[in-house]
C-alpha atoms as a PDB file:
ATOM      1  CA  MET A   1       0.091  -0.073  -0.008  1.00  0.00           C
ATOM      2  CA  PRO A   2       1.538   3.427  -1.009  1.00  0.00           C
ATOM      3  CA  THR A   3       2.746   5.490   2.013  1.00  0.00           C
ATOM      4  CA  ASP A   4       3.458   9.222   2.477  1.00  0.00           C
ATOM      5  CA  ARG A   5       6.068   8.879   5.240  1.00  0.00           C
ATOM      6  CA  PRO A   6       8.863  11.441   4.998  1.00  0.00           C
ATOM      7  CA  ILE A   7      12.270  10.105   3.933  1.00  0.00           C
ATOM      8  CA  ILE A   8      15.423  11.553   5.737  1.00  0.00           C
ATOM      9  CA  VAL A   9      18.791  10.977   4.329  1.00  0.00           C
ATOM     10  CA  VAL A  10      21.789  11.413   6.714  1.00  0.00           C
ATOM     11  CA  GLY A  11      25.437  10.587   6.849  1.00  0.00           C
ATOM     12  CA  CYS A  12      28.815  11.919   7.379  1.00  0.00           C
ATOM     13  CA  PRO A  13      29.632  14.935   5.030  1.00  0.00           C
ATOM     14  CA  ARG A  14      31.382  13.663   1.734  1.00  0.00           C
ATOM     15  CA  SER A  15      29.706  10.066   2.190  1.00  0.00           C
ATOM     16  CA  GLY A  16      27.450  10.085  -0.801  1.00  0.00           C
ATOM     17  CA  THR A  17      24.421  11.855   0.659  1.00  0.00           C
ATOM     18  CA  THR A  18      23.974  13.940  -2.436  1.00  0.00           C
ATOM     19  CA  MET A  19      24.251  11.028  -4.874  1.00  0.00           C
ATOM     20  CA  LEU A  20      21.731   9.218  -2.681  1.00  0.00           C
ATOM     21  CA  GLN A  21      19.443  12.253  -2.552  1.00  0.00           C
ATOM     22  CA  LEU A  22      19.685  12.326  -6.420  1.00  0.00           C
ATOM     23  CA  MET A  23      18.941   8.547  -6.675  1.00  0.00           C
ATOM     24  CA  LEU A  24      15.786   8.888  -4.520  1.00  0.00           C
ATOM     25  CA  HIS A  25      14.730  11.975  -6.558  1.00  0.00           C
ATOM     26  CA  ALA A  26      14.824  10.112  -9.660  1.00  0.00           C
ATOM     27  CA  HIS A  27      12.064   7.886  -8.422  1.00  0.00           C
ATOM     28  CA  PRO A  28       8.703   8.600  -9.910  1.00  0.00           C
ATOM     29  CA  ARG A  29       6.969   8.892  -6.475  1.00  0.00           C
ATOM     30  CA  ILE A  30       9.741  10.620  -4.459  1.00  0.00           C
ATOM     31  CA  ALA A  31      11.066  14.249  -4.354  1.00  0.00           C
ATOM     32  CA  ILE A  32      14.196  14.977  -2.240  1.00  0.00           C
ATOM     33  CA  PRO A  33      15.307  18.664  -2.504  1.00  0.00           C
ATOM     34  CA  PRO A  34      18.773  20.296  -2.354  1.00  0.00           C
ATOM     35  CA  GLU A  35      20.080  20.922   1.257  1.00  0.00           C
ATOM     36  CA  THR A  36      18.228  23.761   3.080  1.00  0.00           C
ATOM     37  CA  ARG A  37      18.968  25.351   6.406  1.00  0.00           C
ATOM     38  CA  PHE A  38      15.463  25.965   7.756  1.00  0.00           C
ATOM     39  CA  VAL A  39      14.300  22.762   9.604  1.00  0.00           C
ATOM     40  CA  LEU A  40      16.749  22.727  12.505  1.00  0.00           C
ATOM     41  CA  ALA A  41      16.743  26.711  12.718  1.00  0.00           C
ATOM     42  CA  ALA A  42      12.897  26.583  12.972  1.00  0.00           C
ATOM     43  CA  TYR A  43      12.946  24.148  15.703  1.00  0.00           C
ATOM     44  CA  ARG A  44      15.521  26.096  17.877  1.00  0.00           C
ATOM     45  CA  GLU A  45      13.694  29.332  17.285  1.00  0.00           C
ATOM     46  CA  ARG A  46      10.191  27.708  17.837  1.00  0.00           C
ATOM     47  CA  ARG A  47       9.126  29.437  20.817  1.00  0.00           C
ATOM     48  CA  GLU A  48       9.690  32.922  19.097  1.00  0.00           C
ATOM     49  CA  PHE A  49       6.478  32.215  17.058  1.00  0.00           C
ATOM     50  CA  GLY A  50       4.135  31.291  19.800  1.00  0.00           C
ATOM     51  CA  ASP A  51       0.983  29.064  19.131  1.00  0.00           C
ATOM     52  CA  LEU A  52       1.313  27.841  15.644  1.00  0.00           C
ATOM     53  CA  ARG A  53      -2.414  27.009  15.867  1.00  0.00           C
ATOM     54  CA  LEU A  54      -3.012  30.639  15.128  1.00  0.00           C
ATOM     55  CA  PRO A  55      -2.748  31.410  11.416  1.00  0.00           C
ATOM     56  CA  GLU A  56      -0.831  34.759  11.947  1.00  0.00           C
ATOM     57  CA  ASN A  57       1.819  32.958  13.845  1.00  0.00           C
ATOM     58  CA  ARG A  58       2.342  30.390  10.845  1.00  0.00           C
ATOM     59  CA  ARG A  59       2.609  33.380   8.464  1.00  0.00           C
ATOM     60  CA  ALA A  60       5.297  34.994  10.694  1.00  0.00           C
ATOM     61  CA  LEU A  61       7.212  31.695  10.553  1.00  0.00           C
ATOM     62  CA  ALA A  62       6.612  31.313   6.901  1.00  0.00           C
ATOM     63  CA  ARG A  63       8.006  34.784   6.181  1.00  0.00           C
ATOM     64  CA  ARG A  64      11.063  34.093   8.174  1.00  0.00           C
ATOM     65  CA  ILE A  65      11.772  30.951   6.097  1.00  0.00           C
ATOM     66  CA  VAL A  66      11.037  32.218   2.698  1.00  0.00           C
ATOM     67  CA  ASP A  67      12.490  35.754   2.942  1.00  0.00           C
ATOM     68  CA  ARG A  68      15.842  34.832   4.509  1.00  0.00           C
ATOM     69  CA  VAL A  69      18.873  33.874   2.157  1.00  0.00           C
ATOM     70  CA  GLU A  70      20.490  31.808   4.870  1.00  0.00           C
ATOM     71  CA  THR A  71      17.545  29.347   4.913  1.00  0.00           C
ATOM     72  CA  ARG A  72      18.462  28.358   1.237  1.00  0.00           C
ATOM     73  CA  PHE A  73      14.612  28.374   0.506  1.00  0.00           C
ATOM     74  CA  CYS A  74      15.611  29.904  -2.730  1.00  0.00           C
ATOM     75  CA  ASP A  75      17.231  26.595  -3.869  1.00  0.00           C
ATOM     76  CA  LEU A  76      13.884  24.893  -3.975  1.00  0.00           C
ATOM     77  CA  GLY A  77      12.491  26.678  -6.927  1.00  0.00           C
ATOM     78  CA  LEU A  78       9.202  27.446  -5.233  1.00  0.00           C
ATOM     79  CA  ASP A  79       7.181  30.471  -5.309  1.00  0.00           C
ATOM     80  CA  PRO A  80       7.450  32.303  -2.024  1.00  0.00           C
ATOM     81  CA  GLU A  81       4.005  33.751  -1.849  1.00  0.00           C
ATOM     82  CA  GLU A  82       2.357  30.409  -2.739  1.00  0.00           C
ATOM     83  CA  THR A  83       4.548  28.643  -0.096  1.00  0.00           C
ATOM     84  CA  VAL A  84       3.520  31.265   2.567  1.00  0.00           C
ATOM     85  CA  GLU A  85      -0.084  30.609   1.935  1.00  0.00           C
ATOM     86  CA  ARG A  86       0.592  26.746   1.792  1.00  0.00           C
ATOM     87  CA  ILE A  87       2.178  27.192   5.441  1.00  0.00           C
ATOM     88  CA  VAL A  88      -0.686  29.345   6.672  1.00  0.00           C
ATOM     89  CA  ALA A  89      -3.265  26.613   5.398  1.00  0.00           C
ATOM     90  CA  ALA A  90      -1.297  23.779   7.098  1.00  0.00           C
ATOM     91  CA  GLU A  91      -1.990  22.150  10.487  1.00  0.00           C
ATOM     92  CA  GLY A  92      -0.948  24.071  13.566  1.00  0.00           C
ATOM     93  CA  THR A  93       2.221  22.129  14.370  1.00  0.00           C
ATOM     94  CA  LEU A  94       5.931  22.781  13.588  1.00  0.00           C
ATOM     95  CA  GLY A  95       6.377  19.706  11.846  1.00  0.00           C
ATOM     96  CA  SER A  96       3.164  20.144   9.622  1.00  0.00           C
ATOM     97  CA  VAL A  97       4.278  23.665   8.688  1.00  0.00           C
ATOM     98  CA  LEU A  98       7.690  22.363   7.609  1.00  0.00           C
ATOM     99  CA  GLY A  99       6.224  19.348   5.948  1.00  0.00           C
ATOM    100  CA  ALA A 100       4.111  21.783   3.913  1.00  0.00           C
ATOM    101  CA  ILE A 101       7.214  23.189   2.316  1.00  0.00           C
ATOM    102  CA  PHE A 102       8.539  19.834   1.287  1.00  0.00           C
ATOM    103  CA  GLN A 103       5.126  18.976   0.051  1.00  0.00           C
ATOM    104  CA  GLY A 104       5.267  21.971  -2.197  1.00  0.00           C
ATOM    105  CA  TYR A 105       8.508  20.849  -3.485  1.00  0.00           C
ATOM    106  CA  ALA A 106       7.123  17.360  -4.330  1.00  0.00           C
ATOM    107  CA  ALA A 107       4.071  18.984  -5.938  1.00  0.00           C
ATOM    108  CA  ARG A 108       6.472  20.820  -8.206  1.00  0.00           C
ATOM    109  CA  PHE A 109       7.460  17.471  -9.842  1.00  0.00           C
ATOM    110  CA  GLY A 110       4.077  15.902  -9.573  1.00  0.00           C
ATOM    111  CA  LYS A 111       5.154  13.374  -6.855  1.00  0.00           C
ATOM    112  CA  PRO A 112       3.248  12.337  -3.741  1.00  0.00           C
ATOM    113  CA  ARG A 113       6.162  11.583  -1.389  1.00  0.00           C
ATOM    114  CA  TRP A 114       8.636  14.063  -0.034  1.00  0.00           C
ATOM    115  CA  GLY A 115      11.893  13.719   1.932  1.00  0.00           C
ATOM    116  CA  ASP A 116      14.875  15.800   2.942  1.00  0.00           C
ATOM    117  CA  LYS A 117      18.587  15.444   3.028  1.00  0.00           C
ATOM    118  CA  ARG A 118      21.209  16.918   5.372  1.00  0.00           C
ATOM    119  CA  PRO A 119      24.353  15.441   7.127  1.00  0.00           C
ATOM    120  CA  ALA A 120      23.787  17.502  10.071  1.00  0.00           C
ATOM    121  CA  TYR A 121      20.453  15.646  10.773  1.00  0.00           C
ATOM    122  CA  LEU A 122      22.525  12.589  11.742  1.00  0.00           C
ATOM    123  CA  HIS A 123      23.381  14.436  14.950  1.00  0.00           C
ATOM    124  CA  ASN A 124      19.770  15.628  15.549  1.00  0.00           C
ATOM    125  CA  ILE A 125      17.714  12.380  15.079  1.00  0.00           C
ATOM    126  CA  ASP A 126      15.810  13.298  18.221  1.00  0.00           C
ATOM    127  CA  ILE A 127      14.663  16.603  16.805  1.00  0.00           C
ATOM    128  CA  LEU A 128      13.702  14.990  13.470  1.00  0.00           C
ATOM    129  CA  LEU A 129      11.563  12.469  15.388  1.00  0.00           C
ATOM    130  CA  ARG A 130       9.834  15.144  17.340  1.00  0.00           C
ATOM    131  CA  LEU A 131       8.972  16.830  14.004  1.00  0.00           C
ATOM    132  CA  PHE A 132       8.167  13.970  11.969  1.00  0.00           C
ATOM    133  CA  PRO A 133       7.389  10.786  14.209  1.00  0.00           C
ATOM    134  CA  ASP A 134       6.827   8.509  11.202  1.00  0.00           C
ATOM    135  CA  ALA A 135       9.960   9.436   9.196  1.00  0.00           C
ATOM    136  CA  GLN A 136      12.139   6.707   7.528  1.00  0.00           C
ATOM    137  CA  PHE A 137      15.761   7.510   8.013  1.00  0.00           C
ATOM    138  CA  ILE A 138      18.562   6.206   5.621  1.00  0.00           C
ATOM    139  CA  ASN A 139      22.031   6.449   6.783  1.00  0.00           C
ATOM    140  CA  ILE A 140      24.709   6.040   4.078  1.00  0.00           C
ATOM    141  CA  VAL A 141      28.246   5.105   5.377  1.00  0.00           C
ATOM    142  CA  ARG A 142      31.508   5.544   3.668  1.00  0.00           C
ATOM    143  CA  ASP A 143      35.126   4.476   4.508  1.00  0.00           C
ATOM    144  CA  GLY A 144      36.239   7.236   7.106  1.00  0.00           C
ATOM    145  CA  ARG A 145      39.605   7.709   5.353  1.00  0.00           C
ATOM    146  CA  ASP A 146      37.748   8.415   2.051  1.00  0.00           C
ATOM    147  CA  CYS A 147      35.455  10.994   3.857  1.00  0.00           C
ATOM    148  CA  VAL A 148      38.480  12.433   5.563  1.00  0.00           C
ATOM    149  CA  ALA A 149      40.351  12.820   2.210  1.00  0.00           C
ATOM    150  CA  SER A 150      37.339  14.289   0.532  1.00  0.00           C
ATOM    151  CA  LEU A 151      36.560  16.821   3.359  1.00  0.00           C
ATOM    152  CA  LYS A 152      40.246  18.104   3.198  1.00  0.00           C
ATOM    153  CA  GLU A 153      39.693  19.281  -0.477  1.00  0.00           C
ATOM    154  CA  MET A 154      36.319  21.139   0.127  1.00  0.00           C
ATOM    155  CA  SER A 155      36.679  25.044   0.005  1.00  0.00           C
ATOM    156  CA  TRP A 156      33.956  25.253   2.653  1.00  0.00           C
ATOM    157  CA  HIS A 157      35.774  22.893   5.065  1.00  0.00           C
ATOM    158  CA  ARG A 158      37.669  24.824   7.716  1.00  0.00           C
ATOM    159  CA  LYS A 159      38.694  22.120  10.146  1.00  0.00           C
ATOM    160  CA  ASP A 160      42.060  20.663  10.845  1.00  0.00           C
ATOM    161  CA  ILE A 161      42.879  16.988  10.344  1.00  0.00           C
ATOM    162  CA  TYR A 162      41.991  15.979  13.728  1.00  0.00           C
ATOM    163  CA  ALA A 163      38.624  17.681  13.911  1.00  0.00           C
ATOM    164  CA  THR A 164      38.085  16.090  10.343  1.00  0.00           C
ATOM    165  CA  VAL A 165      38.765  12.599  11.741  1.00  0.00           C
ATOM    166  CA  ALA A 166      36.851  13.170  14.820  1.00  0.00           C
ATOM    167  CA  ALA A 167      33.833  14.083  12.562  1.00  0.00           C
ATOM    168  CA  TRP A 168      33.610  10.611  11.126  1.00  0.00           C
ATOM    169  CA  GLU A 169      33.937   9.046  14.505  1.00  0.00           C
ATOM    170  CA  ARG A 170      31.023  11.159  15.843  1.00  0.00           C
ATOM    171  CA  ALA A 171      28.907  10.218  12.699  1.00  0.00           C
ATOM    172  CA  VAL A 172      29.413   6.600  13.236  1.00  0.00           C
ATOM    173  CA  ASP A 173      28.798   6.746  16.940  1.00  0.00           C
ATOM    174  CA  ASP A 174      25.449   8.887  16.462  1.00  0.00           C
ATOM    175  CA  ALA A 175      24.451   6.388  13.762  1.00  0.00           C
ATOM    176  CA  ARG A 176      24.920   3.550  16.296  1.00  0.00           C
ATOM    177  CA  ARG A 177      22.670   5.216  18.789  1.00  0.00           C
ATOM    178  CA  ALA A 178      19.881   5.869  16.238  1.00  0.00           C
ATOM    179  CA  ALA A 179      20.160   2.302  15.100  1.00  0.00           C
ATOM    180  CA  ARG A 180      19.719   0.971  18.515  1.00  0.00           C
ATOM    181  CA  ARG A 181      16.790   3.359  19.172  1.00  0.00           C
ATOM    182  CA  LEU A 182      14.913   2.752  15.790  1.00  0.00           C
ATOM    183  CA  ASP A 183      13.639  -0.657  14.294  1.00  0.00           C
ATOM    184  CA  GLY A 184      13.951  -1.983  10.863  1.00  0.00           C
ATOM    185  CA  SER A 185      10.879   0.050   9.757  1.00  0.00           C
ATOM    186  CA  GLN A 186      12.442   3.404  10.517  1.00  0.00           C
ATOM    187  CA  TRP A 187      16.290   2.941  10.122  1.00  0.00           C
ATOM    188  CA  TYR A 188      18.154   1.738   7.125  1.00  0.00           C
ATOM    189  CA  GLU A 189      22.133   1.826   6.603  1.00  0.00           C
ATOM    190  CA  LEU A 190      23.921   1.265   3.414  1.00  0.00           C
ATOM    191  CA  ARG A 191      27.536   1.463   2.422  1.00  0.00           C
ATOM    192  CA  TYR A 192      28.676   4.022  -0.219  1.00  0.00           C
ATOM    193  CA  GLU A 193      31.050   1.446  -1.670  1.00  0.00           C
ATOM    194  CA  ASP A 194      28.308  -1.111  -2.041  1.00  0.00           C
ATOM    195  CA  LEU A 195      25.982   1.272  -3.691  1.00  0.00           C
ATOM    196  CA  VAL A 196      28.339   2.477  -6.424  1.00  0.00           C
ATOM    197  CA  ALA A 197      29.474  -1.121  -7.194  1.00  0.00           C
ATOM    198  CA  ASP A 198      25.943  -2.464  -7.594  1.00  0.00           C
ATOM    199  CA  PRO A 199      23.422   0.400  -7.608  1.00  0.00           C
ATOM    200  CA  GLY A 200      20.468  -1.721  -8.960  1.00  0.00           C
ATOM    201  CA  SER A 201      20.629  -4.395  -6.194  1.00  0.00           C
ATOM    202  CA  GLU A 202      21.430  -1.852  -3.428  1.00  0.00           C
ATOM    203  CA  LEU A 203      18.558   0.350  -4.387  1.00  0.00           C
ATOM    204  CA  THR A 204      16.111  -2.519  -4.849  1.00  0.00           C
ATOM    205  CA  GLN A 205      16.787  -3.301  -1.232  1.00  0.00           C
ATOM    206  CA  LEU A 206      16.386   0.284  -0.120  1.00  0.00           C
ATOM    207  CA  CYS A 207      13.062   0.544  -2.107  1.00  0.00           C
ATOM    208  CA  ALA A 208      11.710  -2.479  -0.283  1.00  0.00           C
ATOM    209  CA  TYR A 209      12.489  -0.716   2.989  1.00  0.00           C
ATOM    210  CA  LEU A 210      10.630   2.358   1.840  1.00  0.00           C
ATOM    211  CA  GLY A 211       7.667   0.306   0.618  1.00  0.00           C
ATOM    212  CA  GLU A 212       8.323   1.390  -2.959  1.00  0.00           C
ATOM    213  CA  ASP A 213       8.922  -0.415  -6.179  1.00  0.00           C
ATOM    214  CA  TYR A 214      12.425  -0.058  -7.698  1.00  0.00           C
ATOM    215  CA  HIS A 215      12.853   1.869 -10.889  1.00  0.00           C
ATOM    216  CA  ALA A 216      15.938   1.796 -13.092  1.00  0.00           C
ATOM    217  CA  ALA A 217      16.187   5.613 -13.356  1.00  0.00           C
ATOM    218  CA  MET A 218      17.296   5.734  -9.884  1.00  0.00           C
ATOM    219  CA  ALA A 219      20.657   4.051 -10.949  1.00  0.00           C
ATOM    220  CA  GLU A 220      21.249   7.084 -13.106  1.00  0.00           C
ATOM    221  CA  PRO A 221      21.099   9.967 -10.662  1.00  0.00           C
ATOM    222  CA  SER A 222      23.082  12.400 -13.051  1.00  0.00           C
ATOM    223  CA  ALA A 223      19.976  12.621 -15.048  1.00  0.00           C
ATOM    224  CA  VAL A 224      18.339  14.809 -12.489  1.00  0.00           C
ATOM    225  CA  ALA A 225      21.462  16.554 -10.957  1.00  0.00           C
ATOM    226  CA  GLN A 226      20.765  19.730 -13.049  1.00  0.00           C
ATOM    227  CA  VAL A 227      17.404  20.300 -11.360  1.00  0.00           C
ATOM    228  CA  ALA A 228      18.163  18.953  -7.976  1.00  0.00           C
ATOM    229  CA  VAL A 229      21.676  20.220  -7.341  1.00  0.00           C
ATOM    230  CA  PRO A 230      22.251  23.953  -7.281  1.00  0.00           C
ATOM    231  CA  SER A 231      24.760  25.192  -9.810  1.00  0.00           C
ATOM    232  CA  PHE A 232      26.882  27.112  -7.345  1.00  0.00           C
ATOM    233  CA  LYS A 233      27.671  23.911  -5.484  1.00  0.00           C
ATOM    234  CA  THR A 234      30.722  23.202  -7.684  1.00  0.00           C
ATOM    235  CA  TRP A 235      31.949  20.351  -5.072  1.00  0.00           C
ATOM    236  CA  HIS A 236      29.205  18.257  -6.419  1.00  0.00           C
ATOM    237  CA  ALA A 237      30.256  18.274  -9.966  1.00  0.00           C
ATOM    238  CA  ARG A 238      30.687  14.443  -9.947  1.00  0.00           C
ATOM    239  CA  THR A 239      26.817  13.974  -9.435  1.00  0.00           C
ATOM    240  CA  HIS A 240      26.618  15.141 -13.111  1.00  0.00           C
ATOM    241  CA  LYS A 241      28.355  12.084 -14.316  1.00  0.00           C
ATOM    242  CA  PRO A 242      27.697   8.329 -14.228  1.00  0.00           C
ATOM    243  CA  VAL A 243      27.889   6.362 -10.893  1.00  0.00           C
ATOM    244  CA  THR A 244      31.473   5.076 -10.521  1.00  0.00           C
ATOM    245  CA  THR A 245      33.704   3.066  -8.292  1.00  0.00           C
ATOM    246  CA  GLN A 246      36.550   5.422  -8.951  1.00  0.00           C
ATOM    247  CA  ARG A 247      36.646   7.213  -5.716  1.00  0.00           C
ATOM    248  CA  VAL A 248      36.568   4.082  -3.533  1.00  0.00           C
ATOM    249  CA  GLN A 249      39.802   3.571  -1.632  1.00  0.00           C
ATOM    250  CA  SER A 250      41.126   6.918  -3.255  1.00  0.00           C
ATOM    251  CA  TRP A 251      42.389   7.678   0.326  1.00  0.00           C
ATOM    252  CA  GLN A 252      45.477   5.631  -0.519  1.00  0.00           C
ATOM    253  CA  THR A 253      46.817   8.391  -2.790  1.00  0.00           C
ATOM    254  CA  ARG A 254      44.844  11.369  -1.454  1.00  0.00           C
ATOM    255  CA  LEU A 255      46.118  11.214   2.181  1.00  0.00           C
ATOM    256  CA  THR A 256      49.734  11.308   3.507  1.00  0.00           C
ATOM    257  CA  ALA A 257      51.134   8.377   5.383  1.00  0.00           C
ATOM    258  CA  GLU A 258      50.907  10.357   8.578  1.00  0.00           C
ATOM    259  CA  GLU A 259      47.211  11.010   8.148  1.00  0.00           C
ATOM    260  CA  ILE A 260      46.563   7.387   7.103  1.00  0.00           C
ATOM    261  CA  ALA A 261      48.220   6.202  10.345  1.00  0.00           C
ATOM    262  CA  LEU A 262      46.112   8.809  12.414  1.00  0.00           C
ATOM    263  CA  CYS A 263      42.944   7.709  10.702  1.00  0.00           C
ATOM    264  CA  GLU A 264      43.496   4.116  11.410  1.00  0.00           C
ATOM    265  CA  ALA A 265      44.748   4.654  14.935  1.00  0.00           C
ATOM    266  CA  ALA A 266      41.762   6.795  15.849  1.00  0.00           C
ATOM    267  CA  LEU A 267      39.013   5.063  13.793  1.00  0.00           C
ATOM    268  CA  GLY A 268      40.368   1.591  13.535  1.00  0.00           C
ATOM    269  CA  SER A 269      37.642  -0.471  15.501  1.00  0.00           C
ATOM    270  CA  ARG A 270      34.897   1.639  13.866  1.00  0.00           C
ATOM    271  CA  LEU A 271      36.304   1.134  10.351  1.00  0.00           C
ATOM    272  CA  VAL A 272      36.521  -2.640  10.888  1.00  0.00           C
ATOM    273  CA  ALA A 273      33.000  -2.792  12.288  1.00  0.00           C
ATOM    274  CA  ASN A 274      31.633  -1.303   9.209  1.00  0.00           C
ATOM    275  CA  GLY A 275      33.673  -3.631   6.830  1.00  0.00           C
ATOM    276  CA  TYR A 276      36.764  -1.654   6.018  1.00  0.00           C
ATOM    277  CA  GLU A 277      40.099  -3.363   6.101  1.00  0.00           C
ATOM    278  CA  LEU A 278      43.042  -1.541   7.718  1.00  0.00           C
ATOM    279  CA  SER A 279      46.149  -0.963   5.836  1.00  0.00           C
ATOM    280  CA  GLY A 280      48.636  -1.733   8.608  1.00  0.00           C
ATOM    281  CA  ALA A 281      49.896   1.826   8.651  1.00  0.00           C
ATOM    282  CA  GLY A 282      52.378   2.658  11.255  1.00  0.00           C
ATOM    283  CA  ARG A 283      51.554   4.099  14.493  1.00  0.00           C
ATOM    284  CA  PRO A 284      51.073   7.969  14.715  1.00  0.00           C
ATOM    285  CA  ALA A 285      53.494  10.074  16.969  1.00  0.00           C
ATOM    286  CA  PRO A 286      52.136  10.112  20.542  1.00  0.00           C
ATOM    287  CA  ALA A 287      51.769  14.014  20.392  1.00  0.00           C
ATOM    288  CA  GLN A 288      49.291  13.470  17.492  1.00  0.00           C
ATOM    289  CA  LEU A 289      47.120  10.957  19.356  1.00  0.00           C
ATOM    290  CA  ILE A 290      47.129  13.250  22.332  1.00  0.00           C
ATOM    291  CA  ARG A 291      46.016  16.258  20.152  1.00  0.00           C
ATOM    292  CA  TYR A 292      43.439  13.923  18.531  1.00  0.00           C
ATOM    293  CA  GLY A 293      42.136  12.878  21.945  1.00  0.00           C
ATOM    294  CA  TRP A 294      41.665  16.460  22.971  1.00  0.00           C
ATOM    295  CA  THR A 295      39.806  17.270  19.835  1.00  0.00           C
ATOM    296  CA  ALA A 296      37.528  14.336  20.044  1.00  0.00           C
ATOM    297  CA  VAL A 297      36.564  14.609  23.648  1.00  0.00           C
ATOM    298  CA  PRO A 298      33.944  17.229  23.452  1.00  0.00           C
ATOM    299  CA  GLN A 299      32.272  15.409  20.609  1.00  0.00           C
ATOM    300  CA  ARG A 300      32.000  12.251  22.726  1.00  0.00           C
ATOM    301  CA  PHE A 301      30.461  14.193  25.518  1.00  0.00           C
ATOM    302  CA  TYR A 302      27.875  15.698  23.100  1.00  0.00           C
ATOM    303  CA  PRO A 303      25.206  13.060  23.662  1.00  0.00           C
ATOM    304  CA  ALA A 304      25.252  13.737  27.425  1.00  0.00           C
ATOM    305  CA  ARG A 305      24.849  17.423  26.813  1.00  0.00           C
ATOM    306  CA  ARG A 306      21.953  16.651  24.344  1.00  0.00           C
ATOM    307  CA  GLY A 307      20.247  14.564  26.923  1.00  0.00           C
ATOM    308  CA  ILE A 308      20.236  17.268  29.472  1.00  0.00           C
ATOM    309  CA  SER A 309      18.875  19.587  26.876  1.00  0.00           C
ATOM    310  CA  LYS A 310      16.138  17.347  26.114  1.00  0.00           C
ATOM    311  CA  ALA A 311      15.259  16.994  29.737  1.00  0.00           C
ATOM    312  CA  ALA A 312      15.181  20.700  30.112  1.00  0.00           C
ATOM    313  CA  SER A 313      12.826  20.939  27.067  1.00  0.00           C
ATOM    314  CA  ARG A 314      10.411  18.478  28.585  1.00  0.00           C
ATOM    315  CA  LEU A 315      10.364  20.548  31.816  1.00  0.00           C
ATOM    316  CA  ARG A 316       9.317  23.569  29.798  1.00  0.00           C
ATOM    317  CA  ARG A 317       6.364  21.612  28.731  1.00  0.00           C
ATOM    318  CA  ASP A 318       6.852  22.043  24.958  1.00  0.00           C
ATOM    319  CA  ALA A 319       3.699  22.094  22.807  1.00  0.00           C
ATOM    320  CA  ASP A 320       2.841  19.420  20.234  1.00  0.00           C
ATOM    321  CA  ILE A 321       4.965  19.946  17.213  1.00  0.00           C
ATOM    322  CA  ALA A 322       4.755  16.766  15.154  1.00  0.00           C
ATOM    323  CA  HIS A 323       3.979  16.615  11.644  1.00  0.00           C
ATOM    324  CA  LEU A 324       0.487  14.906  11.072  1.00  0.00           C
ATOM    325  CA  PRO A 325       0.663  12.320   8.441  1.00  0.00           C
ATOM    326  CA  ALA A 326      -2.605  11.783   6.526  1.00  0.00           C
ATOM    327  CA  GLY A 327      -3.665   8.692   8.547  1.00  0.00           C
ATOM    328  CA  VAL A 328      -2.862  10.437  11.867  1.00  0.00           C
ATOM    329  CA  LEU A 329      -4.796  13.706  10.707  1.00  0.00           C
ATOM    330  CA  ALA A 330      -7.807  11.527   9.666  1.00  0.00           C
ATOM    331  CA  GLN A 331      -7.796   9.777  13.186  1.00  0.00           C
ATOM    332  CA  ARG A 332      -7.470  13.144  15.081  1.00  0.00           C
ATOM    333  CA  THR A 333     -10.136  14.677  12.919  1.00  0.00           C
ATOM    334  CA  GLY A 334     -12.410  11.771  13.629  1.00  0.00           C
ATOM    335  CA  SER A 335     -11.530  11.966  17.287  1.00  0.00           C
ATOM    336  CA  GLN A 336     -12.255  15.688  17.547  1.00  0.00           C
ATOM    337  CA  ALA A 337     -15.645  14.969  15.818  1.00  0.00           C
ATOM    338  CA  ASP A 338     -16.542  12.144  18.327  1.00  0.00           C
ATOM    339  CA  ASP A 339     -15.557  14.469  21.407  1.00  0.00           C
ATOM    340  CA  LYS A 340     -17.732  17.230  19.877  1.00  0.00           C
ATOM    341  CA  ASN A 341     -20.638  14.745  19.363  1.00  0.00           C
ATOM    342  CA  ARG A 342     -20.227  13.562  22.979  1.00  0.00           C
ATOM    343  CA  ARG A 343     -20.360  17.066  24.197  1.00  0.00           C
ATOM    344  CA  ILE A 344     -23.584  17.602  22.140  1.00  0.00           C
ATOM    345  CA  ASP A 345     -25.160  14.416  23.375  1.00  0.00           C
ATOM    346  CA  ALA A 346     -24.358  15.236  27.092  1.00  0.00           C
ATOM    347  CA  GLY A 347     -25.980  18.559  26.804  1.00  0.00           C
ATOM    348  CA  PRO A 348     -25.201  21.491  29.318  1.00  0.00           C
ATOM    349  CA  ALA A 349     -23.362  20.750  32.443  1.00  0.00           C
END
């Protein structure tokens, strides 16, 4: 039976999330937009807009999203005024307001199902679940050494080698926590290397998880890159070319011997757990390991800080913010009607 559950793509930066976004977008029923910056921001600023059951508050939030450059709403190719009115007409929860934007993007391509993609979502699964409780997550994993090598070459990446290595460690650990929390109907992992080696087989299995039929067009993501990847993102140039295994294990020539040694010393057990063989590179200098340890420690304590933040949020008695899927909405509407009928039958108190 067709579903309208949101699809959320996550993964460490430079792990293939954009390629996977395009593969999904090539499906005739699914639309996954370019990366935006308004979902997490809207969640963190949610109390500024008051009760979203009030249309004027939904309009204020809509204007914040469509009028600001930093939200990257402009990359969706949607009419701002039509989007504002779509948001005002949405249900009065933050998840439904945000879902209305993605539904508008899907409607642009005549598709019934929408999703979203952003590597940072991997560190904010709890927030995404609050917004979209029935979402289906897809985590793409790539060899940490290749991720580090690719991140080093990005013009927008400002972190040193230690922080870059620690970013992959945190991505793997956050994915492990999510996998323990969610069942097989809501969490799915695949490896970049397997996907580029045999797209048809991997995407067939992925579609089974999503409850969709596989379509051969998904194995040719370059066909939709022009409409789903903004032209200014030159670092995604390879998405305009056929799927290839060319970059698999390219870390062997893109990293120095010292960088390989650091990656394998810091990430060794996590690499092996995800099916990657170690090269047997030498041990890094003690000073490098100490520096890496100091860099990685704050990220290892991040889950504890997030737990404190979640507890504080509960104490503030946060309002219902979840997106209402069609089935849930029908149930809620029916329940509200039943309550009203009971009140009418009961008569005045």
